[in-house]
Amino acid sequence: MDRIPILKLGGALIVTIQVDMHDRLALALEEDLTAMIARTGARGVLIEISALEIVDSFIGRMLVSIAAVSRVLDAETVVAGMRPAVAITLVELGLELTGIKTALNVERGMALIQARLSDEDDGHGSDRDRHED
């Protein structure tokens, strides 16, 4: 089974979805991303989806599920690059991307994550203890 690569950049994980998502791939991504958040202590997750032309209700729910699991692990999720047709489809399906911030592109998405990371560095963010590996 194919896997979607997950890159670490500072305190964030970056996922670029370049293939049409099918159910097994989405489940594998959720599992891999959850494990990597726990392993690295990442505080932000950027999921870039500009290559996705179609998002069905299952994929939409998986994005919400990934964000919920990330939140429990104290990482914020940003979805970047959503095509207008995908946004329309999600609205028509009645899917709310609860707990997910959205950005027009990767640059804006990373800015949202960096803002959270710098707030935490300034002492305004989470009180989570930080442990170095």
Protein backbone atom coordinates (compact mmCIF):
# COMPACT_ATOMS: atom_id res chain seq x y z
CA MET A 1 0.00 0.00 0.00
CA ASP A 2 1.25 3.49 -0.79
CA ARG A 3 1.92 5.96 1.98
CA ILE A 4 1.80 9.73 1.93
CA PRO A 5 5.12 11.25 3.08
CA ILE A 6 5.14 13.37 6.22
CA LEU A 7 7.92 15.94 6.56
CA LYS A 8 9.02 17.64 9.76
CA LEU A 9 9.89 21.33 9.60
CA GLY A 10 10.71 22.85 12.97
CA GLY A 11 7.75 22.25 15.26
CA ALA A 12 5.40 21.37 12.40
CA LEU A 13 4.61 18.39 10.23
CA ILE A 14 3.83 18.93 6.56
CA VAL A 15 1.73 16.58 4.47
CA THR A 16 1.32 17.21 0.76
CA ILE A 17 -1.36 15.06 -0.81
CA GLN A 18 -0.42 14.63 -4.47
CA VAL A 19 -2.67 11.67 -5.29
CA ASP A 20 -6.39 11.07 -5.20
CA MET A 21 -7.20 9.84 -1.73
CA HIS A 22 -8.89 6.51 -1.32
CA ASP A 23 -10.22 5.20 1.96
CA ARG A 24 -7.26 2.96 2.88
CA LEU A 25 -4.75 5.71 2.09
CA ALA A 26 -6.68 8.17 4.27
CA LEU A 27 -6.74 5.71 7.17
CA ALA A 28 -3.00 5.04 6.76
CA LEU A 29 -2.33 8.79 6.74
CA GLU A 30 -4.26 9.26 9.98
CA GLU A 31 -2.31 6.43 11.63
CA ASP A 32 1.09 7.63 10.34
CA LEU A 33 0.42 11.26 11.24
CA THR A 34 -0.77 10.39 14.75
CA ALA A 35 2.34 8.31 15.37
CA MET A 36 4.62 11.05 14.05
CA ILE A 37 2.96 13.76 16.20
CA ALA A 38 3.46 11.59 19.27
CA ARG A 39 7.05 10.72 18.31
CA THR A 40 8.19 14.26 17.41
CA GLY A 41 6.04 16.42 19.69
CA ALA A 42 5.01 18.52 16.69
CA ARG A 43 2.70 21.42 17.58
CA GLY A 44 1.30 22.03 14.10
CA VAL A 45 0.17 19.96 11.15
CA LEU A 46 -0.15 21.44 7.67
CA ILE A 47 -2.08 19.34 5.15
CA GLU A 48 -1.70 20.68 1.61
CA ILE A 49 -4.55 19.45 -0.63
CA SER A 50 -4.34 21.56 -3.80
CA ALA A 51 -3.90 18.41 -5.92
CA LEU A 52 -7.20 16.96 -4.69
CA GLU A 53 -9.93 17.49 -7.24
CA ILE A 54 -12.57 15.48 -5.42
CA VAL A 55 -13.29 15.02 -1.73
CA ASP A 56 -16.08 12.68 -0.71
CA SER A 57 -17.77 12.53 2.69
CA PHE A 58 -15.35 9.85 3.95
CA ILE A 59 -12.25 11.93 3.12
CA GLY A 60 -13.91 15.00 4.63
CA ARG A 61 -14.62 13.08 7.84
CA MET A 62 -11.04 11.77 7.86
CA LEU A 63 -9.69 15.35 7.75
CA VAL A 64 -11.92 16.19 10.72
CA SER A 65 -10.78 13.03 12.51
CA ILE A 66 -7.11 13.80 11.86
CA ALA A 67 -7.63 17.30 13.28
CA ALA A 68 -9.41 15.92 16.36
CA VAL A 69 -6.64 13.41 17.08
CA SER A 70 -4.02 16.10 16.48
CA ARG A 71 -5.79 18.42 18.92
CA VAL A 72 -5.80 15.71 21.60
CA LEU A 73 -2.04 15.42 21.02
CA ASP A 74 -1.78 19.25 21.29
CA ALA A 75 -1.12 19.98 17.63
CA GLU A 76 -3.10 22.42 15.52
CA THR A 77 -4.20 21.37 12.02
CA VAL A 78 -4.26 23.69 9.03
CA VAL A 79 -5.56 22.57 5.63
CA ALA A 80 -4.07 24.62 2.79
CA GLY A 81 -4.74 24.90 -0.92
CA MET A 82 -8.35 23.76 -1.02
CA ARG A 83 -9.82 24.13 -4.48
CA PRO A 84 -13.13 26.02 -4.75
CA ALA A 85 -14.90 22.89 -6.06
CA VAL A 86 -13.71 20.92 -3.03
CA ALA A 87 -14.92 23.66 -0.67
CA ILE A 88 -18.32 23.69 -2.40
CA THR A 89 -18.57 19.91 -2.16
CA LEU A 90 -17.77 19.92 1.56
CA VAL A 91 -20.45 22.56 2.17
CA GLU A 92 -22.99 20.66 0.05
CA LEU A 93 -22.25 17.48 2.00
CA GLY A 94 -22.86 19.43 5.22
CA LEU A 95 -19.37 18.72 6.51
CA GLU A 96 -17.99 21.27 8.91
CA LEU A 97 -14.24 21.20 9.28
CA THR A 98 -14.45 21.50 13.04
CA GLY A 99 -11.09 22.16 14.64
CA ILE A 100 -9.38 22.78 11.30
CA LYS A 101 -8.03 26.13 10.23
CA THR A 102 -7.86 26.69 6.49
CA ALA A 103 -5.49 28.75 4.38
CA LEU A 104 -5.45 29.59 0.69
CA ASN A 105 -1.89 28.33 0.25
CA VAL A 106 1.05 26.74 2.06
CA GLU A 107 2.67 30.08 2.86
CA ARG A 108 -0.42 31.34 4.69
CA GLY A 109 -0.90 27.96 6.37
CA MET A 110 2.64 27.95 7.71
CA ALA A 111 2.14 31.52 8.94
CA LEU A 112 -0.83 30.32 11.03
CA ILE A 113 1.24 27.50 12.51
CA GLN A 114 4.26 29.75 13.10
CA ALA A 115 2.01 32.25 14.90
CA ARG A 116 0.94 29.51 17.31
CA LEU A 117 4.51 28.37 17.84
CA SER A 118 5.74 31.90 18.53
CA ASP A 119 2.85 32.56 20.92
CA GLU A 120 3.91 29.48 22.86
CA ASP A 121 7.56 30.57 22.81
CA ASP A 122 6.44 33.91 24.26
CA GLY A 123 4.63 32.11 27.06
CA HIS A 124 1.11 32.81 25.79
CA GLY A 125 0.33 29.35 24.47
CA SER A 126 -0.18 25.93 25.97
CA ASP A 127 1.22 25.02 29.37
CA ARG A 128 2.28 21.63 28.05
CA ASP A 129 5.62 20.50 29.46
CA ARG A 130 8.34 20.26 26.85
CA HIS A 131 10.73 17.32 26.93
CA GLU A 132 13.78 16.99 24.71
CA ASP A 133 14.55 13.56 23.26
